[in-house]
Structures are given as C-alpha cells and as structure tokens.
Amino acid sequence: MITVSLRFDDEMKKQLDEMCDEMGMNLTTFFMIYAKKALRDRRIPFEIAAPSDPFYSASNMEQLKKARQQVKDGQVIVKTIEELEAMELE
C-alpha cells in the first residue's frame, strides 16, 4: 500500500466530507470507489449521488420563478406591519 496526498480548498474539503458522511463513507472510501470504478470501466466520469438540497429542487425553483414574475408584474400586495396588525383585530 502507498499513501497519496491531495490538496483541497478548505471549503471544498468540508463540503466533500459532508457529502461523503451523508452517503455513509469517508474520503478514503470515496476515492477507492472512484479509482476502482474508473479502472473497471476504463472511463471517467461516473456518478455517485448524494441527496441534494431541497431548496434547489425543480418544483421549488419553479415556484420561485413564478413568485419573481408576480413581483415583476406587480401582482403583490404590500402592507405595513401596522396594517397587518389592524387586520388581525378585525
């Protein structure tokens, strides 16, 4: 066995550690899977997926797009906190 050293940006390393943790593995396991798969298939890239942030899901992005368009089209109601509080008392 040999040891291989890699240099990573601190934030990238943190994000990769978090992703690997979500998949139940560490960085060594991640790179071993990567290397074995690349050698077996004789190609790069390949996919190992981790759950993505639900904020960026297709359905949420569509809702955000619609909301932006409503604001752009002036289809919003603007009320001050005082007006909202007065409505609550009615």
N, C-alpha and C. Protein backbone atom coordinates (compact mmCIF):
# COMPACT_ATOMS: atom_id res chain seq x y z
N MET A 1 0.84 -1.19 0.00
CA MET A 1 0.00 0.00 0.00
C MET A 1 0.88 1.25 0.00
N ILE A 2 0.39 2.29 -0.69
CA ILE A 2 1.07 3.58 -0.67
C ILE A 2 0.08 4.63 -0.17
N THR A 3 0.60 5.75 0.22
CA THR A 3 -0.23 6.86 0.64
C THR A 3 -0.20 7.93 -0.44
N VAL A 4 -1.36 8.46 -0.78
CA VAL A 4 -1.48 9.53 -1.76
C VAL A 4 -1.98 10.76 -1.03
N SER A 5 -1.33 11.89 -1.25
CA SER A 5 -1.75 13.14 -0.63
C SER A 5 -2.40 14.03 -1.67
N LEU A 6 -3.50 14.66 -1.29
CA LEU A 6 -4.21 15.58 -2.17
C LEU A 6 -4.37 16.90 -1.45
N ARG A 7 -4.34 17.99 -2.21
CA ARG A 7 -4.57 19.31 -1.64
C ARG A 7 -5.94 19.79 -2.08
N PHE A 8 -6.71 20.29 -1.11
CA PHE A 8 -8.05 20.79 -1.36
C PHE A 8 -8.21 22.16 -0.74
N ASP A 9 -9.03 22.96 -1.34
CA ASP A 9 -9.50 24.20 -0.74
C ASP A 9 -10.27 23.80 0.53
N ASP A 10 -10.14 24.56 1.61
CA ASP A 10 -10.79 24.21 2.88
C ASP A 10 -12.29 23.99 2.72
N GLU A 11 -12.96 24.88 1.99
CA GLU A 11 -14.42 24.77 1.83
C GLU A 11 -14.78 23.54 1.01
N MET A 12 -14.00 23.25 -0.05
CA MET A 12 -14.28 22.07 -0.86
C MET A 12 -14.12 20.80 -0.01
N LYS A 13 -13.08 20.75 0.80
CA LYS A 13 -12.84 19.59 1.67
C LYS A 13 -14.01 19.41 2.63
N LYS A 14 -14.47 20.51 3.22
CA LYS A 14 -15.59 20.46 4.15
C LYS A 14 -16.84 19.92 3.45
N GLN A 15 -17.12 20.45 2.26
CA GLN A 15 -18.31 20.01 1.52
C GLN A 15 -18.19 18.54 1.11
N LEU A 16 -17.00 18.12 0.69
CA LEU A 16 -16.81 16.72 0.29
C LEU A 16 -16.96 15.80 1.50
N ASP A 17 -16.41 16.21 2.65
CA ASP A 17 -16.59 15.42 3.88
C ASP A 17 -18.07 15.27 4.22
N GLU A 18 -18.82 16.38 4.12
CA GLU A 18 -20.26 16.34 4.44
C GLU A 18 -21.01 15.42 3.48
N MET A 19 -20.70 15.52 2.18
CA MET A 19 -21.36 14.67 1.19
C MET A 19 -21.06 13.20 1.46
N CYS A 20 -19.79 12.90 1.71
CA CYS A 20 -19.41 11.51 1.98
C CYS A 20 -20.11 10.99 3.24
N ASP A 21 -20.19 11.84 4.26
CA ASP A 21 -20.87 11.46 5.50
C ASP A 21 -22.33 11.13 5.23
N GLU A 22 -22.98 11.93 4.37
CA GLU A 22 -24.38 11.67 4.01
C GLU A 22 -24.55 10.32 3.32
N MET A 23 -23.50 9.87 2.65
CA MET A 23 -23.55 8.57 1.96
C MET A 23 -22.98 7.45 2.81
N GLY A 24 -22.58 7.77 4.04
CA GLY A 24 -22.09 6.75 4.96
C GLY A 24 -20.67 6.29 4.68
N MET A 25 -19.83 7.19 4.18
CA MET A 25 -18.44 6.80 3.91
C MET A 25 -17.51 7.94 4.27
N ASN A 26 -16.21 7.64 4.22
CA ASN A 26 -15.21 8.68 4.44
C ASN A 26 -14.50 8.97 3.12
N LEU A 27 -13.56 9.90 3.13
CA LEU A 27 -12.87 10.29 1.90
C LEU A 27 -12.06 9.15 1.29
N THR A 28 -11.42 8.34 2.11
CA THR A 28 -10.64 7.22 1.60
C THR A 28 -11.54 6.27 0.82
N THR A 29 -12.69 5.94 1.39
CA THR A 29 -13.64 5.06 0.71
C THR A 29 -14.12 5.70 -0.59
N PHE A 30 -14.41 6.99 -0.55
CA PHE A 30 -14.85 7.71 -1.75
C PHE A 30 -13.83 7.56 -2.87
N PHE A 31 -12.57 7.85 -2.56
CA PHE A 31 -11.54 7.78 -3.61
C PHE A 31 -11.25 6.35 -4.05
N MET A 32 -11.37 5.38 -3.15
CA MET A 32 -11.18 3.98 -3.54
C MET A 32 -12.29 3.55 -4.50
N ILE A 33 -13.54 3.92 -4.20
CA ILE A 33 -14.66 3.60 -5.10
C ILE A 33 -14.42 4.25 -6.46
N TYR A 34 -14.01 5.51 -6.45
CA TYR A 34 -13.75 6.24 -7.68
C TYR A 34 -12.69 5.53 -8.52
N ALA A 35 -11.56 5.20 -7.90
CA ALA A 35 -10.45 4.57 -8.62
C ALA A 35 -10.84 3.20 -9.17
N LYS A 36 -11.49 2.37 -8.36
CA LYS A 36 -11.88 1.03 -8.81
C LYS A 36 -12.87 1.10 -9.97
N LYS A 37 -13.83 2.00 -9.88
CA LYS A 37 -14.83 2.16 -10.93
C LYS A 37 -14.17 2.64 -12.22
N ALA A 38 -13.30 3.64 -12.13
CA ALA A 38 -12.62 4.17 -13.31
C ALA A 38 -11.77 3.09 -13.98
N LEU A 39 -11.06 2.29 -13.19
CA LEU A 39 -10.24 1.22 -13.75
C LEU A 39 -11.10 0.13 -14.39
N ARG A 40 -12.18 -0.24 -13.74
CA ARG A 40 -13.06 -1.29 -14.27
C ARG A 40 -13.71 -0.87 -15.58
N ASP A 41 -14.23 0.37 -15.64
CA ASP A 41 -14.95 0.84 -16.82
C ASP A 41 -14.05 1.50 -17.85
N ARG A 42 -12.82 1.80 -17.44
CA ARG A 42 -11.85 2.45 -18.33
C ARG A 42 -12.39 3.79 -18.85
N ARG A 43 -13.12 4.51 -17.96
CA ARG A 43 -13.64 5.81 -18.34
C ARG A 43 -13.91 6.66 -17.10
N ILE A 44 -13.98 7.94 -17.32
CA ILE A 44 -14.34 8.93 -16.31
C ILE A 44 -15.27 9.90 -17.02
N PRO A 45 -16.28 10.43 -16.46
CA PRO A 45 -16.70 10.35 -15.06
C PRO A 45 -17.72 9.23 -14.85
N PHE A 46 -18.11 9.10 -13.62
CA PHE A 46 -19.20 8.22 -13.24
C PHE A 46 -19.96 8.90 -12.12
N GLU A 47 -21.14 8.40 -11.81
CA GLU A 47 -21.99 9.11 -10.86
C GLU A 47 -22.17 8.35 -9.56
N ILE A 48 -21.95 9.05 -8.46
CA ILE A 48 -22.34 8.62 -7.12
C ILE A 48 -23.09 9.82 -6.56
N ALA A 49 -24.36 9.68 -6.28
CA ALA A 49 -25.17 10.84 -5.91
C ALA A 49 -25.46 10.88 -4.41
N ALA A 50 -25.45 12.10 -3.89
CA ALA A 50 -25.86 12.35 -2.51
C ALA A 50 -27.16 13.14 -2.58
N PRO A 51 -27.98 13.07 -1.54
CA PRO A 51 -29.21 13.87 -1.56
C PRO A 51 -28.86 15.34 -1.74
N SER A 52 -29.58 16.01 -2.64
CA SER A 52 -29.29 17.42 -2.86
C SER A 52 -30.16 18.29 -1.96
N ASP A 53 -29.80 19.53 -1.86
CA ASP A 53 -30.53 20.48 -1.04
C ASP A 53 -31.93 20.66 -1.63
N PRO A 54 -33.00 20.39 -0.87
CA PRO A 54 -34.36 20.50 -1.41
C PRO A 54 -34.71 21.91 -1.86
N PHE A 55 -33.99 22.91 -1.38
CA PHE A 55 -34.26 24.28 -1.82
C PHE A 55 -34.10 24.40 -3.32
N TYR A 56 -33.16 23.64 -3.88
CA TYR A 56 -32.86 23.74 -5.31
C TYR A 56 -33.62 22.70 -6.14
N SER A 57 -34.64 22.07 -5.57
CA SER A 57 -35.42 21.10 -6.34
C SER A 57 -36.13 21.80 -7.48
N ALA A 58 -36.46 21.04 -8.52
CA ALA A 58 -37.12 21.60 -9.70
C ALA A 58 -38.44 22.27 -9.32
N SER A 59 -39.22 21.64 -8.44
CA SER A 59 -40.52 22.21 -8.08
C SER A 59 -40.36 23.52 -7.31
N ASN A 60 -39.39 23.59 -6.41
CA ASN A 60 -39.17 24.83 -5.65
C ASN A 60 -38.64 25.93 -6.56
N MET A 61 -37.75 25.58 -7.48
CA MET A 61 -37.23 26.59 -8.39
C MET A 61 -38.34 27.14 -9.29
N GLU A 62 -39.29 26.29 -9.66
CA GLU A 62 -40.42 26.74 -10.47
C GLU A 62 -41.30 27.71 -9.66
N GLN A 63 -41.53 27.41 -8.38
CA GLN A 63 -42.31 28.30 -7.52
C GLN A 63 -41.61 29.65 -7.35
N LEU A 64 -40.31 29.63 -7.19
CA LEU A 64 -39.55 30.88 -7.06
C LEU A 64 -39.63 31.69 -8.35
N LYS A 65 -39.56 31.01 -9.48
CA LYS A 65 -39.67 31.69 -10.78
C LYS A 65 -41.03 32.37 -10.91
N LYS A 66 -42.10 31.65 -10.51
CA LYS A 66 -43.45 32.22 -10.57
C LYS A 66 -43.57 33.43 -9.63
N ALA A 67 -43.03 33.32 -8.44
CA ALA A 67 -43.09 34.42 -7.47
C ALA A 67 -42.35 35.64 -7.99
N ARG A 68 -41.17 35.44 -8.58
CA ARG A 68 -40.42 36.55 -9.16
C ARG A 68 -41.23 37.24 -10.25
N GLN A 69 -41.91 36.43 -11.08
CA GLN A 69 -42.71 37.01 -12.16
C GLN A 69 -43.89 37.80 -11.60
N GLN A 70 -44.51 37.29 -10.52
CA GLN A 70 -45.63 38.01 -9.90
C GLN A 70 -45.16 39.37 -9.38
N VAL A 71 -44.01 39.41 -8.76
CA VAL A 71 -43.46 40.68 -8.26
C VAL A 71 -43.19 41.60 -9.45
N LYS A 72 -42.57 41.05 -10.49
CA LYS A 72 -42.26 41.83 -11.68
C LYS A 72 -43.52 42.41 -12.32
N ASP A 73 -44.61 41.63 -12.32
CA ASP A 73 -45.88 42.05 -12.92
C ASP A 73 -46.73 42.91 -11.98
N GLY A 74 -46.22 43.18 -10.77
CA GLY A 74 -46.96 44.00 -9.82
C GLY A 74 -48.14 43.28 -9.19
N GLN A 75 -48.11 41.98 -9.17
CA GLN A 75 -49.21 41.19 -8.62
C GLN A 75 -48.95 40.85 -7.15
N VAL A 76 -48.54 41.83 -6.40
CA VAL A 76 -48.28 41.63 -4.97
C VAL A 76 -49.03 42.68 -4.17
N ILE A 77 -49.32 42.35 -2.95
CA ILE A 77 -49.98 43.29 -2.04
C ILE A 77 -48.96 43.66 -0.98
N VAL A 78 -48.76 44.94 -0.79
CA VAL A 78 -47.79 45.42 0.19
C VAL A 78 -48.56 46.04 1.35
N LYS A 79 -48.27 45.58 2.55
CA LYS A 79 -48.90 46.11 3.77
C LYS A 79 -47.81 46.36 4.81
N THR A 80 -48.02 47.39 5.59
CA THR A 80 -47.11 47.66 6.69
C THR A 80 -47.47 46.71 7.83
N ILE A 81 -46.60 46.60 8.80
CA ILE A 81 -46.88 45.76 9.96
C ILE A 81 -48.10 46.28 10.71
N GLU A 82 -48.25 47.59 10.75
CA GLU A 82 -49.41 48.17 11.43
C GLU A 82 -50.71 47.76 10.72
N GLU A 83 -50.70 47.79 9.40
CA GLU A 83 -51.89 47.39 8.64
C GLU A 83 -52.21 45.91 8.86
N LEU A 84 -51.20 45.08 8.91
CA LEU A 84 -51.40 43.65 9.16
C LEU A 84 -51.97 43.43 10.56
N GLU A 85 -51.42 44.14 11.54
CA GLU A 85 -51.92 44.01 12.91
C GLU A 85 -53.36 44.48 13.03
N ALA A 86 -53.70 45.54 12.31
CA ALA A 86 -55.09 46.03 12.31
C ALA A 86 -56.02 45.00 11.69
N MET A 87 -55.58 44.33 10.67
CA MET A 87 -56.39 43.30 10.02
C MET A 87 -56.66 42.14 10.98
N GLU A 88 -55.66 41.83 11.80
CA GLU A 88 -55.77 40.75 12.74
C GLU A 88 -56.89 41.01 13.77
N LEU A 89 -57.06 42.28 14.13
CA LEU A 89 -58.06 42.67 15.13
C LEU A 89 -59.48 42.69 14.57
N GLU A 90 -59.62 42.74 13.27
CA GLU A 90 -60.95 42.81 12.66
C GLU A 90 -61.71 41.51 12.80
